[in-house]
Structures are given as C-alpha cells and as structure tokens.
Amino acid sequence: MKINSLKIKMLMLEKGFNIGSLAEKMNASRQWVGAILGRGYATPNMVIRLSKALDVDPKEISKLED
C-alpha cells in the first residue's frame, strides 16, 4: 500500500525521531524503515506499526492507490 513518506518524515521531525529511533519503536530494522520511506510502499502490517509508533491513525500516513 502507498504511504505518504513526506507526512511520515514530518511526523518524525515533530516527535524527535530519526530512522533508527523509529525503527526501534516499531521493532524493525533501520534499513527496512529506510527502504519503506524511500520507495513509498509498505505492507498493511508495516503501516499499522508505523502509525502506532508515530501515534497517528493509519489513514493519516496512507495514500489511496491510483
């Protein structure tokens, strides 16, 4: 599913996260989180993990598929 990488990066900045600290909070590798943000796609499970780590609704960081 498409994710809004820019929105996620803005949320990370607001909350004082870097990729490493976000990955730790998600229980994922730093490389995996970096890859997700770079390509703009993630599995539904990863979107949920991202949203929980950032304390937002999954819809806030998802994009509708074209």
N, C-alpha and C. Protein backbone atom coordinates (compact mmCIF):
# COMPACT_ATOMS: atom_id res chain seq x y z
N MET A 1 0.85 -1.16 0.00
CA MET A 1 0.00 0.00 0.00
C MET A 1 0.89 1.22 0.00
N LYS A 2 0.42 2.28 -0.67
CA LYS A 2 1.21 3.51 -0.75
C LYS A 2 1.20 4.23 0.59
N ILE A 3 2.34 4.81 0.91
CA ILE A 3 2.43 5.62 2.13
C ILE A 3 2.87 7.03 1.76
N ASN A 4 2.54 7.96 2.61
CA ASN A 4 2.92 9.35 2.42
C ASN A 4 4.25 9.57 3.16
N SER A 5 5.34 9.33 2.47
CA SER A 5 6.67 9.42 3.09
C SER A 5 6.94 10.81 3.65
N LEU A 6 6.51 11.85 2.94
CA LEU A 6 6.74 13.21 3.40
C LEU A 6 6.02 13.46 4.73
N LYS A 7 4.77 13.01 4.82
CA LYS A 7 3.99 13.17 6.05
C LYS A 7 4.67 12.41 7.20
N ILE A 8 5.14 11.21 6.92
CA ILE A 8 5.81 10.41 7.95
C ILE A 8 7.08 11.11 8.42
N LYS A 9 7.85 11.65 7.48
CA LYS A 9 9.07 12.35 7.85
C LYS A 9 8.76 13.61 8.67
N MET A 10 7.68 14.30 8.34
CA MET A 10 7.27 15.48 9.12
C MET A 10 6.88 15.07 10.54
N LEU A 11 6.14 13.96 10.67
CA LEU A 11 5.76 13.46 11.98
C LEU A 11 6.98 13.04 12.78
N MET A 12 7.94 12.41 12.10
CA MET A 12 9.18 12.00 12.77
C MET A 12 9.89 13.23 13.33
N LEU A 13 9.97 14.28 12.53
CA LEU A 13 10.64 15.51 12.96
C LEU A 13 9.93 16.12 14.17
N GLU A 14 8.59 16.18 14.10
CA GLU A 14 7.79 16.72 15.21
C GLU A 14 8.02 15.95 16.51
N LYS A 15 8.17 14.63 16.39
CA LYS A 15 8.27 13.78 17.57
C LYS A 15 9.72 13.50 17.97
N GLY A 16 10.66 14.06 17.22
CA GLY A 16 12.07 13.90 17.56
C GLY A 16 12.64 12.54 17.21
N PHE A 17 12.04 11.85 16.22
CA PHE A 17 12.55 10.54 15.81
C PHE A 17 13.49 10.68 14.63
N ASN A 18 14.50 9.83 14.60
CA ASN A 18 15.25 9.62 13.36
C ASN A 18 14.87 8.21 12.90
N ILE A 19 15.42 7.77 11.80
CA ILE A 19 15.04 6.44 11.28
C ILE A 19 15.37 5.35 12.29
N GLY A 20 16.50 5.47 12.94
CA GLY A 20 16.91 4.47 13.92
C GLY A 20 15.97 4.38 15.11
N SER A 21 15.57 5.53 15.66
CA SER A 21 14.69 5.50 16.83
C SER A 21 13.28 5.06 16.44
N LEU A 22 12.83 5.44 15.24
CA LEU A 22 11.51 4.98 14.78
C LEU A 22 11.53 3.47 14.58
N ALA A 23 12.59 2.98 13.96
CA ALA A 23 12.72 1.53 13.73
C ALA A 23 12.71 0.77 15.05
N GLU A 24 13.42 1.30 16.04
CA GLU A 24 13.45 0.66 17.35
C GLU A 24 12.06 0.61 17.97
N LYS A 25 11.33 1.70 17.86
CA LYS A 25 9.97 1.75 18.42
C LYS A 25 9.03 0.79 17.69
N MET A 26 9.30 0.57 16.39
CA MET A 26 8.48 -0.34 15.58
C MET A 26 8.94 -1.79 15.70
N ASN A 27 10.09 -2.01 16.32
CA ASN A 27 10.71 -3.33 16.38
C ASN A 27 11.03 -3.83 14.96
N ALA A 28 11.65 -2.94 14.18
CA ALA A 28 12.05 -3.26 12.82
C ALA A 28 13.48 -2.77 12.63
N SER A 29 14.11 -3.18 11.54
CA SER A 29 15.48 -2.72 11.29
C SER A 29 15.47 -1.32 10.70
N ARG A 30 16.54 -0.61 10.95
CA ARG A 30 16.70 0.75 10.42
C ARG A 30 16.71 0.71 8.89
N GLN A 31 17.35 -0.31 8.33
CA GLN A 31 17.41 -0.45 6.87
C GLN A 31 16.03 -0.66 6.27
N TRP A 32 15.21 -1.46 6.96
CA TRP A 32 13.88 -1.75 6.45
C TRP A 32 13.01 -0.49 6.48
N VAL A 33 13.06 0.27 7.55
CA VAL A 33 12.27 1.50 7.65
C VAL A 33 12.76 2.50 6.59
N GLY A 34 14.06 2.60 6.41
CA GLY A 34 14.61 3.49 5.38
C GLY A 34 14.14 3.09 3.99
N ALA A 35 14.10 1.79 3.73
CA ALA A 35 13.65 1.30 2.42
C ALA A 35 12.17 1.62 2.19
N ILE A 36 11.36 1.44 3.22
CA ILE A 36 9.93 1.73 3.11
C ILE A 36 9.70 3.21 2.80
N LEU A 37 10.40 4.07 3.53
CA LEU A 37 10.25 5.51 3.31
C LEU A 37 10.77 5.90 1.93
N GLY A 38 11.83 5.25 1.48
CA GLY A 38 12.41 5.57 0.19
C GLY A 38 11.54 5.18 -0.99
N ARG A 39 10.90 4.03 -0.89
CA ARG A 39 10.10 3.58 -2.03
C ARG A 39 8.64 4.01 -1.95
N GLY A 40 8.17 4.41 -0.76
CA GLY A 40 6.81 4.90 -0.64
C GLY A 40 5.74 3.83 -0.59
N TYR A 41 6.15 2.60 -0.35
CA TYR A 41 5.22 1.48 -0.24
C TYR A 41 5.52 0.67 1.02
N ALA A 42 4.46 0.14 1.63
CA ALA A 42 4.64 -0.72 2.80
C ALA A 42 3.48 -1.71 2.86
N THR A 43 3.70 -2.81 3.53
CA THR A 43 2.61 -3.76 3.74
C THR A 43 1.62 -3.15 4.73
N PRO A 44 0.38 -3.60 4.71
CA PRO A 44 -0.59 -3.09 5.69
C PRO A 44 -0.10 -3.26 7.13
N ASN A 45 0.58 -4.36 7.41
CA ASN A 45 1.12 -4.59 8.75
C ASN A 45 2.14 -3.51 9.12
N MET A 46 3.01 -3.16 8.19
CA MET A 46 4.02 -2.13 8.46
C MET A 46 3.38 -0.76 8.61
N VAL A 47 2.31 -0.49 7.86
CA VAL A 47 1.60 0.79 8.00
C VAL A 47 1.02 0.90 9.41
N ILE A 48 0.47 -0.19 9.90
CA ILE A 48 -0.08 -0.20 11.26
C ILE A 48 1.03 0.01 12.28
N ARG A 49 2.15 -0.66 12.09
CA ARG A 49 3.28 -0.50 13.02
C ARG A 49 3.82 0.93 12.99
N LEU A 50 3.91 1.50 11.79
CA LEU A 50 4.35 2.90 11.64
C LEU A 50 3.40 3.83 12.37
N SER A 51 2.10 3.63 12.15
CA SER A 51 1.11 4.53 12.75
C SER A 51 1.11 4.42 14.27
N LYS A 52 1.29 3.22 14.80
CA LYS A 52 1.36 3.06 16.26
C LYS A 52 2.59 3.75 16.82
N ALA A 53 3.72 3.59 16.15
CA ALA A 53 4.96 4.20 16.61
C ALA A 53 4.87 5.73 16.59
N LEU A 54 4.15 6.26 15.58
CA LEU A 54 4.01 7.71 15.45
C LEU A 54 2.77 8.24 16.16
N ASP A 55 1.97 7.34 16.72
CA ASP A 55 0.76 7.70 17.45
C ASP A 55 -0.22 8.49 16.57
N VAL A 56 -0.48 7.95 15.37
CA VAL A 56 -1.44 8.55 14.44
C VAL A 56 -2.32 7.45 13.87
N ASP A 57 -3.41 7.87 13.24
CA ASP A 57 -4.30 6.93 12.56
C ASP A 57 -3.61 6.46 11.27
N PRO A 58 -3.72 5.18 10.93
CA PRO A 58 -3.08 4.69 9.70
C PRO A 58 -3.49 5.48 8.45
N LYS A 59 -4.72 6.00 8.43
CA LYS A 59 -5.19 6.77 7.27
C LYS A 59 -4.37 8.04 7.09
N GLU A 60 -3.80 8.57 8.16
CA GLU A 60 -3.01 9.80 8.08
C GLU A 60 -1.71 9.61 7.30
N ILE A 61 -1.18 8.40 7.29
CA ILE A 61 0.10 8.17 6.62
C ILE A 61 -0.04 7.33 5.36
N SER A 62 -1.27 6.96 5.00
CA SER A 62 -1.52 6.16 3.80
C SER A 62 -2.01 7.06 2.67
N LYS A 63 -1.78 6.59 1.46
CA LYS A 63 -2.30 7.27 0.27
C LYS A 63 -3.23 6.29 -0.41
N LEU A 64 -4.26 6.82 -1.04
CA LEU A 64 -5.15 5.98 -1.82
C LEU A 64 -4.41 5.53 -3.07
N GLU A 65 -4.59 4.27 -3.44
CA GLU A 65 -3.97 3.75 -4.65
C GLU A 65 -4.63 4.39 -5.86
N ASP A 66 -3.82 4.69 -6.90
CA ASP A 66 -4.35 5.28 -8.12
C ASP A 66 -5.01 4.23 -8.98
